[in-house]
Each structure stands twice: as structure tokens, then as C-alpha cells.
Amino acid sequence: MTLAMRAVTLPSGMQMPVLGQGTWYLGEHPATRDAEIAALRTGLDLGLTVIDTAEMYGDGAAEELVGAAIAGRRDDVVLVDKVMPSNASRRGTVRACERSLRRLGTDHIDLYLLHWRGRYPLADTVAAFTELVDAGKIGQWGVSNFDLADMAELMSAGGEACATDQILYNLTRRGPEYDLLPWCRERGMPVMAYSPIEQGRILGQPAVLRVAARHEVSPAQVALAWVLRADGVAAIPRSADPDHVRQNAAALQLSLTEQDLAELDRAFPPPTAPQPLEML
């Protein structure tokens, strides 16, 4: 059964579910392939229709896994992919996208991101993204791991059509709250939070455990509900287990109280000054 799904609105007006599925480290081991495909398909059944991948993940193996998981269901999916900075020249971006499309077994990517800053001028990458949009190979484009200064430079390079910034954001990585998140909100640009449970490292934190016990939910659900409390923020947790995907989806039904939020703020204080954007 599909759960009621909130959405964020991209600058184009497109609606994107606030909770999706990541694929970092998926597709790399044949022994776990069937379970990983089952996990992604379980997420689709539950309305977690954003699937995020990248050409870097397993040197394309994650894209191939996603292609298998969405076969016959492409119209149900908001497909997000990323080009590596080393490929992000004007011609290189187009070629990388075409390789990704072949691995994914589709003719278009809904949201195509520059994975992080590299040596190529941003104007060249933006020009390639525009070419791909015009050709129908991507629907929209955005960036990942861009700090506030990077975003300002992107705007100066003709990047007004940027749809999102995918960043590391969770209870232990709150730096973006000081300046980057407000900047994006002012422009109606949602943020996609990767590693919203810090690759599991948040789950044993005492404050998270106390809030989870109070609500009789898992620590992962608390961490996800915390990220999703914020306007204009979507999350893409990764899971290779269908049961964990179901638990992730159930986080949408958890409403944290003022007491919960205050306790989490004491344990994980919000930033009081600018901080460099962190990456994993």
C-alpha cells in the first residue's frame, strides 16, 4: 500500500516526494543483487519513487541495478543521476549522460546533477545540461555538494535553472542550516539530504534512542523524521533490505514534538556561525 507522501516543489513547479531511496554501495556484490532490487521495488510500492544514483557508484553497477529494479515501472520513478566532475566538460557531460542512460535502460533522466565541484568551468557544465534538456535526455538539472559560495558562483555562470542542491545533512551535520538552507528556501530550491542517518552512526546516540523509545519507533525513523521536519528538504536514505525500506517509509507518519526537537537540539546544537559544507 502506498503511504501518503508529502512533496517538495522544484523551481519548475514539478513535485518531488520528500522521501526517496539512495543507491550508494548498491549493485557491487552479485550475492546481494536480488535483495537490493527487492528493496528498491518495495520502496516504489510504498511511494518512495525518487531513486538516486550516480555513475560513480560501483563504476556504473548501481545504475545497472536501478535499471533492473525499475524495468516496466519507469513512469512511476523520479530518476536522479549524477555526473562525476572529471567528466563534466561540455562534451564529457553529454557523453557521460548517454552512458548512464544505457546502463539505466531508459531514454531520459528526470534530474541530472553535477556530483561535486571539479576543474571544468561551471558555465561549460551548465551549457551541457541545457543541451541535454533540449534533447529530452534529462528533464531538469542540479548540483550536489555545493556550498553557498559555490551556489553564488553557479548563478553567475548562468545556473538560474538549477533545480536542487544535494548535500550531506543530518542531525550531526547541521552546518547548512546557518546559511545554505535559507538561501535555497528564498529561491524555492529544495535540498536533497543524503546520508540522513549518517550511514547508521546516529542510531546509537542516547538522545535519538530516548526519542525513539518515547514514540515506540526505531532510531532511524527519528533521524529521518528530524530531517523531514524542515520545509524544502527531501531525504534519500539507502537500504538494501525491504524491511528497512518499510521502516524508512513509516518515518513519514512520525511527528516529532517540541520536547523531542528541544532534546535533539541540546544533543546536536544548531550552528551559530558559517561552517564549511561537509561531504562523505
C-alpha atoms as a PDB file:
ATOM      1  CA  MET A   1       0.000   0.000   0.000  1.00  0.00           C
ATOM      2  CA  THR A   2       1.321   3.429  -0.910  1.00  0.00           C
ATOM      3  CA  LEU A   3       1.653   5.780   2.068  1.00  0.00           C
ATOM      4  CA  ALA A   4       0.526   9.384   1.963  1.00  0.00           C
ATOM      5  CA  MET A   5       3.551  11.201   0.607  1.00  0.00           C
ATOM      6  CA  ARG A   6       4.482  14.814   1.143  1.00  0.00           C
ATOM      7  CA  ALA A   7       6.350  16.541  -1.642  1.00  0.00           C
ATOM      8  CA  VAL A   8       8.748  19.380  -2.256  1.00  0.00           C
ATOM      9  CA  THR A   9       8.290  21.653  -5.243  1.00  0.00           C
ATOM     10  CA  LEU A  10      11.172  22.246  -7.631  1.00  0.00           C
ATOM     11  CA  PRO A  11      11.576  25.715  -9.161  1.00  0.00           C
ATOM     12  CA  SER A  12       9.972  24.379 -12.360  1.00  0.00           C
ATOM     13  CA  GLY A  13       6.814  23.517 -10.427  1.00  0.00           C
ATOM     14  CA  MET A  14       7.496  19.775 -10.537  1.00  0.00           C
ATOM     15  CA  GLN A  15       6.515  17.911  -7.373  1.00  0.00           C
ATOM     16  CA  MET A  16       9.064  15.512  -5.889  1.00  0.00           C
ATOM     17  CA  PRO A  17       8.325  13.180  -2.948  1.00  0.00           C
ATOM     18  CA  VAL A  18      10.183  14.185   0.211  1.00  0.00           C
ATOM     19  CA  LEU A  19      11.384  10.639   0.860  1.00  0.00           C
ATOM     20  CA  GLY A  20      13.218   8.588  -1.723  1.00  0.00           C
ATOM     21  CA  GLN A  21      15.877   5.913  -1.992  1.00  0.00           C
ATOM     22  CA  GLY A  22      19.635   6.148  -2.332  1.00  0.00           C
ATOM     23  CA  THR A  23      21.869   3.567  -4.026  1.00  0.00           C
ATOM     24  CA  TRP A  24      25.410   4.329  -2.850  1.00  0.00           C
ATOM     25  CA  TYR A  25      27.269   0.967  -2.477  1.00  0.00           C
ATOM     26  CA  LEU A  26      24.404  -0.971  -4.074  1.00  0.00           C
ATOM     27  CA  GLY A  27      24.938  -3.199  -7.087  1.00  0.00           C
ATOM     28  CA  GLU A  28      28.517  -4.101  -6.197  1.00  0.00           C
ATOM     29  CA  HIS A  29      28.007  -7.687  -4.997  1.00  0.00           C
ATOM     30  CA  PRO A  30      26.153 -10.321  -7.074  1.00  0.00           C
ATOM     31  CA  ALA A  31      25.132 -12.208  -3.922  1.00  0.00           C
ATOM     32  CA  THR A  32      23.011  -9.297  -2.691  1.00  0.00           C
ATOM     33  CA  ARG A  33      21.617  -8.187  -6.063  1.00  0.00           C
ATOM     34  CA  ASP A  34      18.189  -9.798  -5.710  1.00  0.00           C
ATOM     35  CA  ALA A  35      17.629  -8.377  -2.218  1.00  0.00           C
ATOM     36  CA  GLU A  36      18.702  -4.905  -3.364  1.00  0.00           C
ATOM     37  CA  ILE A  37      16.319  -4.984  -6.325  1.00  0.00           C
ATOM     38  CA  ALA A  38      13.555  -6.179  -3.990  1.00  0.00           C
ATOM     39  CA  ALA A  39      14.311  -3.296  -1.621  1.00  0.00           C
ATOM     40  CA  LEU A  40      14.071  -0.697  -4.389  1.00  0.00           C
ATOM     41  CA  ARG A  41      10.842  -2.192  -5.688  1.00  0.00           C
ATOM     42  CA  THR A  42       9.398  -2.286  -2.174  1.00  0.00           C
ATOM     43  CA  GLY A  43      10.137   1.418  -1.913  1.00  0.00           C
ATOM     44  CA  LEU A  44       8.351   2.092  -5.190  1.00  0.00           C
ATOM     45  CA  ASP A  45       5.331   0.168  -3.915  1.00  0.00           C
ATOM     46  CA  LEU A  46       5.308   2.402  -0.821  1.00  0.00           C
ATOM     47  CA  GLY A  47       5.552   5.645  -2.783  1.00  0.00           C
ATOM     48  CA  LEU A  48       9.300   6.208  -2.358  1.00  0.00           C
ATOM     49  CA  THR A  49       9.520   6.911  -6.052  1.00  0.00           C
ATOM     50  CA  VAL A  50      12.648   9.085  -6.041  1.00  0.00           C
ATOM     51  CA  ILE A  51      15.628   6.830  -6.798  1.00  0.00           C
ATOM     52  CA  ASP A  52      19.028   8.492  -6.623  1.00  0.00           C
ATOM     53  CA  THR A  53      22.131   7.014  -8.219  1.00  0.00           C
ATOM     54  CA  ALA A  54      25.396   8.121  -9.841  1.00  0.00           C
ATOM     55  CA  GLU A  55      27.830   6.979 -12.485  1.00  0.00           C
ATOM     56  CA  MET A  56      30.472   6.832  -9.742  1.00  0.00           C
ATOM     57  CA  TYR A  57      28.619   4.266  -7.632  1.00  0.00           C
ATOM     58  CA  GLY A  58      30.292   0.952  -8.356  1.00  0.00           C
ATOM     59  CA  ASP A  59      31.581   2.330 -11.674  1.00  0.00           C
ATOM     60  CA  GLY A  60      28.067   2.140 -13.079  1.00  0.00           C
ATOM     61  CA  ALA A  61      26.970  -1.014 -11.253  1.00  0.00           C
ATOM     62  CA  ALA A  62      24.409   0.894  -9.192  1.00  0.00           C
ATOM     63  CA  GLU A  63      22.903   2.351 -12.374  1.00  0.00           C
ATOM     64  CA  GLU A  64      22.592  -1.128 -13.848  1.00  0.00           C
ATOM     65  CA  LEU A  65      20.898  -2.314 -10.654  1.00  0.00           C
ATOM     66  CA  VAL A  66      18.465   0.602 -10.778  1.00  0.00           C
ATOM     67  CA  GLY A  67      17.722  -0.182 -14.399  1.00  0.00           C
ATOM     68  CA  ALA A  68      16.774  -3.726 -13.449  1.00  0.00           C
ATOM     69  CA  ALA A  69      14.672  -2.560 -10.496  1.00  0.00           C
ATOM     70  CA  ILE A  70      12.635  -0.038 -12.492  1.00  0.00           C
ATOM     71  CA  ALA A  71      12.158  -2.160 -15.611  1.00  0.00           C
ATOM     72  CA  GLY A  72       8.496  -1.941 -16.564  1.00  0.00           C
ATOM     73  CA  ARG A  73       7.930   0.827 -13.985  1.00  0.00           C
ATOM     74  CA  ARG A  74       9.870   3.737 -15.433  1.00  0.00           C
ATOM     75  CA  ASP A  75       6.844   6.028 -15.430  1.00  0.00           C
ATOM     76  CA  ASP A  76       6.493   5.552 -11.654  1.00  0.00           C
ATOM     77  CA  VAL A  77      10.012   6.801 -10.911  1.00  0.00           C
ATOM     78  CA  VAL A  78      11.652  10.180 -10.382  1.00  0.00           C
ATOM     79  CA  LEU A  79      15.119   9.148 -11.523  1.00  0.00           C
ATOM     80  CA  VAL A  80      18.074  11.167 -10.207  1.00  0.00           C
ATOM     81  CA  ASP A  81      21.603  10.588 -11.509  1.00  0.00           C
ATOM     82  CA  LYS A  82      24.949  12.355 -11.192  1.00  0.00           C
ATOM     83  CA  VAL A  83      27.900  13.091 -13.449  1.00  0.00           C
ATOM     84  CA  MET A  84      31.402  12.977 -11.994  1.00  0.00           C
ATOM     85  CA  PRO A  85      33.373  16.250 -12.059  1.00  0.00           C
ATOM     86  CA  SER A  86      36.110  14.568 -14.112  1.00  0.00           C
ATOM     87  CA  ASN A  87      33.531  14.061 -16.882  1.00  0.00           C
ATOM     88  CA  ALA A  88      31.789  17.426 -16.541  1.00  0.00           C
ATOM     89  CA  SER A  89      33.177  19.251 -19.550  1.00  0.00           C
ATOM     90  CA  ARG A  90      30.764  20.436 -22.250  1.00  0.00           C
ATOM     91  CA  ARG A  91      31.181  17.277 -24.351  1.00  0.00           C
ATOM     92  CA  GLY A  92      32.072  14.990 -21.468  1.00  0.00           C
ATOM     93  CA  THR A  93      28.810  15.667 -19.626  1.00  0.00           C
ATOM     94  CA  VAL A  94      26.766  14.711 -22.674  1.00  0.00           C
ATOM     95  CA  ARG A  95      28.765  11.523 -23.229  1.00  0.00           C
ATOM     96  CA  ALA A  96      28.534  10.587 -19.529  1.00  0.00           C
ATOM     97  CA  CYS A  97      24.781  11.067 -19.581  1.00  0.00           C
ATOM     98  CA  GLU A  98      24.432   8.862 -22.637  1.00  0.00           C
ATOM     99  CA  ARG A  99      26.449   6.101 -20.951  1.00  0.00           C
ATOM    100  CA  SER A 100      24.268   6.377 -17.855  1.00  0.00           C
ATOM    101  CA  LEU A 101      21.117   6.166 -19.943  1.00  0.00           C
ATOM    102  CA  ARG A 102      22.351   2.919 -21.493  1.00  0.00           C
ATOM    103  CA  ARG A 103      23.143   1.403 -18.099  1.00  0.00           C
ATOM    104  CA  LEU A 104      19.773   2.515 -16.728  1.00  0.00           C
ATOM    105  CA  GLY A 105      17.898   1.170 -19.745  1.00  0.00           C
ATOM    106  CA  THR A 106      15.914   4.373 -20.195  1.00  0.00           C
ATOM    107  CA  ASP A 107      15.784   7.284 -22.606  1.00  0.00           C
ATOM    108  CA  HIS A 108      15.701  10.054 -20.018  1.00  0.00           C
ATOM    109  CA  ILE A 109      16.827  11.027 -16.526  1.00  0.00           C
ATOM    110  CA  ASP A 110      14.441  13.245 -14.573  1.00  0.00           C
ATOM    111  CA  LEU A 111      17.071  15.137 -12.567  1.00  0.00           C
ATOM    112  CA  TYR A 112      20.766  15.140 -13.508  1.00  0.00           C
ATOM    113  CA  LEU A 113      23.302  16.547 -11.041  1.00  0.00           C
ATOM    114  CA  LEU A 114      26.942  17.604 -11.046  1.00  0.00           C
ATOM    115  CA  HIS A 115      28.281  15.381  -8.267  1.00  0.00           C
ATOM    116  CA  TRP A 116      30.700  17.963  -6.833  1.00  0.00           C
ATOM    117  CA  ARG A 117      32.911  20.831  -7.975  1.00  0.00           C
ATOM    118  CA  GLY A 118      35.711  19.946 -10.375  1.00  0.00           C
ATOM    119  CA  ARG A 119      38.193  21.558 -12.725  1.00  0.00           C
ATOM    120  CA  TYR A 120      35.818  22.337 -15.581  1.00  0.00           C
ATOM    121  CA  PRO A 121      34.171  25.772 -15.718  1.00  0.00           C
ATOM    122  CA  LEU A 122      30.632  25.681 -14.364  1.00  0.00           C
ATOM    123  CA  ALA A 123      29.427  27.521 -17.472  1.00  0.00           C
ATOM    124  CA  ASP A 124      30.533  24.559 -19.623  1.00  0.00           C
ATOM    125  CA  THR A 125      28.665  22.052 -17.467  1.00  0.00           C
ATOM    126  CA  VAL A 126      25.557  24.251 -17.426  1.00  0.00           C
ATOM    127  CA  ALA A 127      25.721  24.515 -21.223  1.00  0.00           C
ATOM    128  CA  ALA A 128      25.870  20.716 -21.451  1.00  0.00           C
ATOM    129  CA  PHE A 129      22.928  20.362 -19.079  1.00  0.00           C
ATOM    130  CA  THR A 130      20.933  22.799 -21.216  1.00  0.00           C
ATOM    131  CA  GLU A 131      21.788  20.782 -24.326  1.00  0.00           C
ATOM    132  CA  LEU A 132      20.623  17.580 -22.628  1.00  0.00           C
ATOM    133  CA  VAL A 133      17.347  19.208 -21.555  1.00  0.00           C
ATOM    134  CA  ASP A 134      16.728  20.452 -25.093  1.00  0.00           C
ATOM    135  CA  ALA A 135      17.404  16.935 -26.428  1.00  0.00           C
ATOM    136  CA  GLY A 136      14.933  15.394 -23.971  1.00  0.00           C
ATOM    137  CA  LYS A 137      17.623  13.266 -22.346  1.00  0.00           C
ATOM    138  CA  ILE A 138      17.182  14.940 -18.964  1.00  0.00           C
ATOM    139  CA  GLY A 139      14.197  16.717 -17.511  1.00  0.00           C
ATOM    140  CA  GLN A 140      15.986  19.100 -15.160  1.00  0.00           C
ATOM    141  CA  TRP A 141      19.427  19.539 -13.681  1.00  0.00           C
ATOM    142  CA  GLY A 142      21.011  20.445 -10.378  1.00  0.00           C
ATOM    143  CA  VAL A 143      24.151  20.106  -8.289  1.00  0.00           C
ATOM    144  CA  SER A 144      25.466  18.156  -5.326  1.00  0.00           C
ATOM    145  CA  ASN A 145      27.867  19.096  -2.529  1.00  0.00           C
ATOM    146  CA  PHE A 146      27.716  22.815  -3.397  1.00  0.00           C
ATOM    147  CA  ASP A 147      28.234  25.255  -0.535  1.00  0.00           C
ATOM    148  CA  LEU A 148      26.829  28.785  -0.509  1.00  0.00           C
ATOM    149  CA  ALA A 149      29.826  30.283  -2.335  1.00  0.00           C
ATOM    150  CA  ASP A 150      29.562  27.537  -4.955  1.00  0.00           C
ATOM    151  CA  MET A 151      25.884  28.303  -5.467  1.00  0.00           C
ATOM    152  CA  ALA A 152      26.603  32.002  -5.898  1.00  0.00           C
ATOM    153  CA  GLU A 153      29.251  31.183  -8.500  1.00  0.00           C
ATOM    154  CA  LEU A 154      26.820  28.838 -10.236  1.00  0.00           C
ATOM    155  CA  MET A 155      24.244  31.609 -10.524  1.00  0.00           C
ATOM    156  CA  SER A 156      26.893  33.866 -12.060  1.00  0.00           C
ATOM    157  CA  ALA A 157      27.687  31.116 -14.580  1.00  0.00           C
ATOM    158  CA  GLY A 158      24.139  31.025 -15.924  1.00  0.00           C
ATOM    159  CA  GLY A 159      22.847  28.456 -13.458  1.00  0.00           C
ATOM    160  CA  GLU A 160      19.448  30.008 -12.708  1.00  0.00           C
ATOM    161  CA  ALA A 161      17.703  26.816 -13.863  1.00  0.00           C
ATOM    162  CA  CYS A 162      19.328  24.760 -11.085  1.00  0.00           C
ATOM    163  CA  ALA A 163      16.588  22.618  -9.528  1.00  0.00           C
ATOM    164  CA  THR A 164      18.249  21.331  -6.353  1.00  0.00           C
ATOM    165  CA  ASP A 165      21.404  21.001  -4.274  1.00  0.00           C
ATOM    166  CA  GLN A 166      22.022  17.518  -2.889  1.00  0.00           C
ATOM    167  CA  ILE A 167      24.053  17.766   0.316  1.00  0.00           C
ATOM    168  CA  LEU A 168      25.118  15.911   3.437  1.00  0.00           C
ATOM    169  CA  TYR A 169      22.561  16.923   6.058  1.00  0.00           C
ATOM    170  CA  ASN A 170      21.508  15.137   9.224  1.00  0.00           C
ATOM    171  CA  LEU A 171      21.449  15.584  12.994  1.00  0.00           C
ATOM    172  CA  THR A 172      25.235  15.513  13.232  1.00  0.00           C
ATOM    173  CA  ARG A 173      25.828  17.661  10.105  1.00  0.00           C
ATOM    174  CA  ARG A 174      23.744  20.776  10.691  1.00  0.00           C
ATOM    175  CA  GLY A 175      26.058  23.386   9.178  1.00  0.00           C
ATOM    176  CA  PRO A 176      23.787  24.052   6.142  1.00  0.00           C
ATOM    177  CA  GLU A 177      21.107  25.429   8.466  1.00  0.00           C
ATOM    178  CA  TYR A 178      23.098  28.608   9.048  1.00  0.00           C
ATOM    179  CA  ASP A 179      23.178  29.954   5.507  1.00  0.00           C
ATOM    180  CA  LEU A 180      22.784  27.400   2.684  1.00  0.00           C
ATOM    181  CA  LEU A 181      19.288  26.167   3.573  1.00  0.00           C
ATOM    182  CA  PRO A 182      17.893  29.705   3.993  1.00  0.00           C
ATOM    183  CA  TRP A 183      19.469  30.741   0.672  1.00  0.00           C
ATOM    184  CA  CYS A 184      17.860  27.800  -1.104  1.00  0.00           C
ATOM    185  CA  ARG A 185      14.475  28.409   0.530  1.00  0.00           C
ATOM    186  CA  GLU A 186      14.479  32.029  -0.574  1.00  0.00           C
ATOM    187  CA  ARG A 187      14.817  30.812  -4.143  1.00  0.00           C
ATOM    188  CA  GLY A 188      12.292  27.997  -3.903  1.00  0.00           C
ATOM    189  CA  MET A 189      15.056  25.440  -4.443  1.00  0.00           C
ATOM    190  CA  PRO A 190      14.672  22.218  -2.424  1.00  0.00           C
ATOM    191  CA  VAL A 191      17.637  20.471  -0.857  1.00  0.00           C
ATOM    192  CA  MET A 192      18.130  16.703  -1.082  1.00  0.00           C
ATOM    193  CA  ALA A 193      19.720  15.288   2.083  1.00  0.00           C
ATOM    194  CA  TYR A 194      21.978  12.295   1.517  1.00  0.00           C
ATOM    195  CA  SER A 195      23.119  10.045   4.381  1.00  0.00           C
ATOM    196  CA  PRO A 196      20.260  11.314   6.591  1.00  0.00           C
ATOM    197  CA  ILE A 197      21.135   8.747   9.253  1.00  0.00           C
ATOM    198  CA  GLU A 198      24.903   9.288   8.866  1.00  0.00           C
ATOM    199  CA  GLN A 199      25.396   5.765   7.494  1.00  0.00           C
ATOM    200  CA  GLY A 200      23.982   4.360  10.734  1.00  0.00           C
ATOM    201  CA  ARG A 201      26.275   6.233  13.108  1.00  0.00           C
ATOM    202  CA  ILE A 202      23.393   8.286  14.531  1.00  0.00           C
ATOM    203  CA  LEU A 203      21.411   5.245  15.608  1.00  0.00           C
ATOM    204  CA  GLY A 204      23.165   4.631  18.919  1.00  0.00           C
ATOM    205  CA  GLN A 205      23.119   8.254  20.107  1.00  0.00           C
ATOM    206  CA  PRO A 206      21.402   8.478  23.532  1.00  0.00           C
ATOM    207  CA  ALA A 207      19.119  11.389  22.632  1.00  0.00           C
ATOM    208  CA  VAL A 208      17.935   9.626  19.488  1.00  0.00           C
ATOM    209  CA  LEU A 209      17.322   6.440  21.458  1.00  0.00           C
ATOM    210  CA  ARG A 210      15.295   8.316  24.080  1.00  0.00           C
ATOM    211  CA  VAL A 211      13.060   9.975  21.473  1.00  0.00           C
ATOM    212  CA  ALA A 212      12.629   6.653  19.681  1.00  0.00           C
ATOM    213  CA  ALA A 213      11.607   4.941  22.916  1.00  0.00           C
ATOM    214  CA  ARG A 214       9.092   7.689  23.674  1.00  0.00           C
ATOM    215  CA  HIS A 215       7.374   7.135  20.330  1.00  0.00           C
ATOM    216  CA  GLU A 216       7.982   3.366  20.174  1.00  0.00           C
ATOM    217  CA  VAL A 217       9.728   3.694  16.828  1.00  0.00           C
ATOM    218  CA  SER A 218      13.233   2.925  15.550  1.00  0.00           C
ATOM    219  CA  PRO A 219      16.136   5.375  15.902  1.00  0.00           C
ATOM    220  CA  ALA A 220      16.362   5.518  12.090  1.00  0.00           C
ATOM    221  CA  GLN A 221      12.760   6.723  11.925  1.00  0.00           C
ATOM    222  CA  VAL A 222      13.573   9.502  14.395  1.00  0.00           C
ATOM    223  CA  ALA A 223      16.597  10.596  12.371  1.00  0.00           C
ATOM    224  CA  LEU A 224      14.575  10.627   9.143  1.00  0.00           C
ATOM    225  CA  ALA A 225      11.611  12.428  10.703  1.00  0.00           C
ATOM    226  CA  TRP A 226      14.016  15.068  12.010  1.00  0.00           C
ATOM    227  CA  VAL A 227      15.455  15.733   8.543  1.00  0.00           C
ATOM    228  CA  LEU A 228      11.977  15.798   7.010  1.00  0.00           C
ATOM    229  CA  ARG A 229      10.668  18.275   9.587  1.00  0.00           C
ATOM    230  CA  ALA A 230      12.222  21.115   7.611  1.00  0.00           C
ATOM    231  CA  ASP A 231      10.464  22.831   4.724  1.00  0.00           C
ATOM    232  CA  GLY A 232      12.067  22.305   1.346  1.00  0.00           C
ATOM    233  CA  VAL A 233      14.135  19.267   2.369  1.00  0.00           C
ATOM    234  CA  ALA A 234      13.884  15.789   0.877  1.00  0.00           C
ATOM    235  CA  ALA A 235      15.850  12.735   2.056  1.00  0.00           C
ATOM    236  CA  ILE A 236      17.281   9.753   0.192  1.00  0.00           C
ATOM    237  CA  PRO A 237      18.251   7.050   2.706  1.00  0.00           C
ATOM    238  CA  ARG A 238      19.876   3.957   1.273  1.00  0.00           C
ATOM    239  CA  SER A 239      18.731   0.465   2.202  1.00  0.00           C
ATOM    240  CA  ALA A 240      19.366  -2.964   0.741  1.00  0.00           C
ATOM    241  CA  ASP A 241      16.710  -4.609   2.930  1.00  0.00           C
ATOM    242  CA  PRO A 242      12.965  -4.474   2.121  1.00  0.00           C
ATOM    243  CA  ASP A 243      12.084  -4.444   5.835  1.00  0.00           C
ATOM    244  CA  HIS A 244      14.324  -1.436   6.434  1.00  0.00           C
ATOM    245  CA  VAL A 245      12.696   0.316   3.482  1.00  0.00           C
ATOM    246  CA  ARG A 246       9.297  -0.232   5.092  1.00  0.00           C
ATOM    247  CA  GLN A 247      10.620   1.249   8.339  1.00  0.00           C
ATOM    248  CA  ASN A 248      12.017   4.233   6.455  1.00  0.00           C
ATOM    249  CA  ALA A 249       8.666   4.831   4.790  1.00  0.00           C
ATOM    250  CA  ALA A 250       6.919   4.708   8.169  1.00  0.00           C
ATOM    251  CA  ALA A 251       9.022   7.702   9.296  1.00  0.00           C
ATOM    252  CA  LEU A 252       6.617   9.831   7.262  1.00  0.00           C
ATOM    253  CA  GLN A 253       3.976   9.124   9.908  1.00  0.00           C
ATOM    254  CA  LEU A 254       6.152  10.251  12.826  1.00  0.00           C
ATOM    255  CA  SER A 255       5.619  13.796  14.089  1.00  0.00           C
ATOM    256  CA  LEU A 256       8.306  14.946  16.489  1.00  0.00           C
ATOM    257  CA  THR A 257       7.098  17.070  19.395  1.00  0.00           C
ATOM    258  CA  GLU A 258       8.587  20.316  20.676  1.00  0.00           C
ATOM    259  CA  GLN A 259      10.045  18.284  23.536  1.00  0.00           C
ATOM    260  CA  ASP A 260      11.677  15.902  21.065  1.00  0.00           C
ATOM    261  CA  LEU A 261      13.124  18.711  18.975  1.00  0.00           C
ATOM    262  CA  ALA A 262      14.450  20.550  22.025  1.00  0.00           C
ATOM    263  CA  GLU A 263      16.122  17.390  23.312  1.00  0.00           C
ATOM    264  CA  LEU A 264      17.726  16.755  19.928  1.00  0.00           C
ATOM    265  CA  ASP A 265      18.874  20.387  19.732  1.00  0.00           C
ATOM    266  CA  ARG A 266      20.622  20.019  23.087  1.00  0.00           C
ATOM    267  CA  ALA A 267      22.380  16.861  21.910  1.00  0.00           C
ATOM    268  CA  PHE A 268      23.128  18.184  18.413  1.00  0.00           C
ATOM    269  CA  PRO A 269      23.243  22.007  18.614  1.00  0.00           C
ATOM    270  CA  PRO A 270      22.366  24.036  15.525  1.00  0.00           C
ATOM    271  CA  PRO A 271      25.171  26.132  14.005  1.00  0.00           C
ATOM    272  CA  THR A 272      25.812  29.639  15.293  1.00  0.00           C
ATOM    273  CA  ALA A 273      28.252  30.632  12.530  1.00  0.00           C
ATOM    274  CA  PRO A 274      29.050  29.634   8.957  1.00  0.00           C
ATOM    275  CA  GLN A 275      30.594  26.198   8.580  1.00  0.00           C
ATOM    276  CA  PRO A 276      32.251  24.579   5.550  1.00  0.00           C
ATOM    277  CA  LEU A 277      29.932  22.125   3.825  1.00  0.00           C
ATOM    278  CA  GLU A 278      30.857  18.589   4.812  1.00  0.00           C
ATOM    279  CA  MET A 279      30.995  15.617   2.434  1.00  0.00           C
ATOM    280  CA  LEU A 280      31.180  11.862   2.737  1.00  0.00           C
END
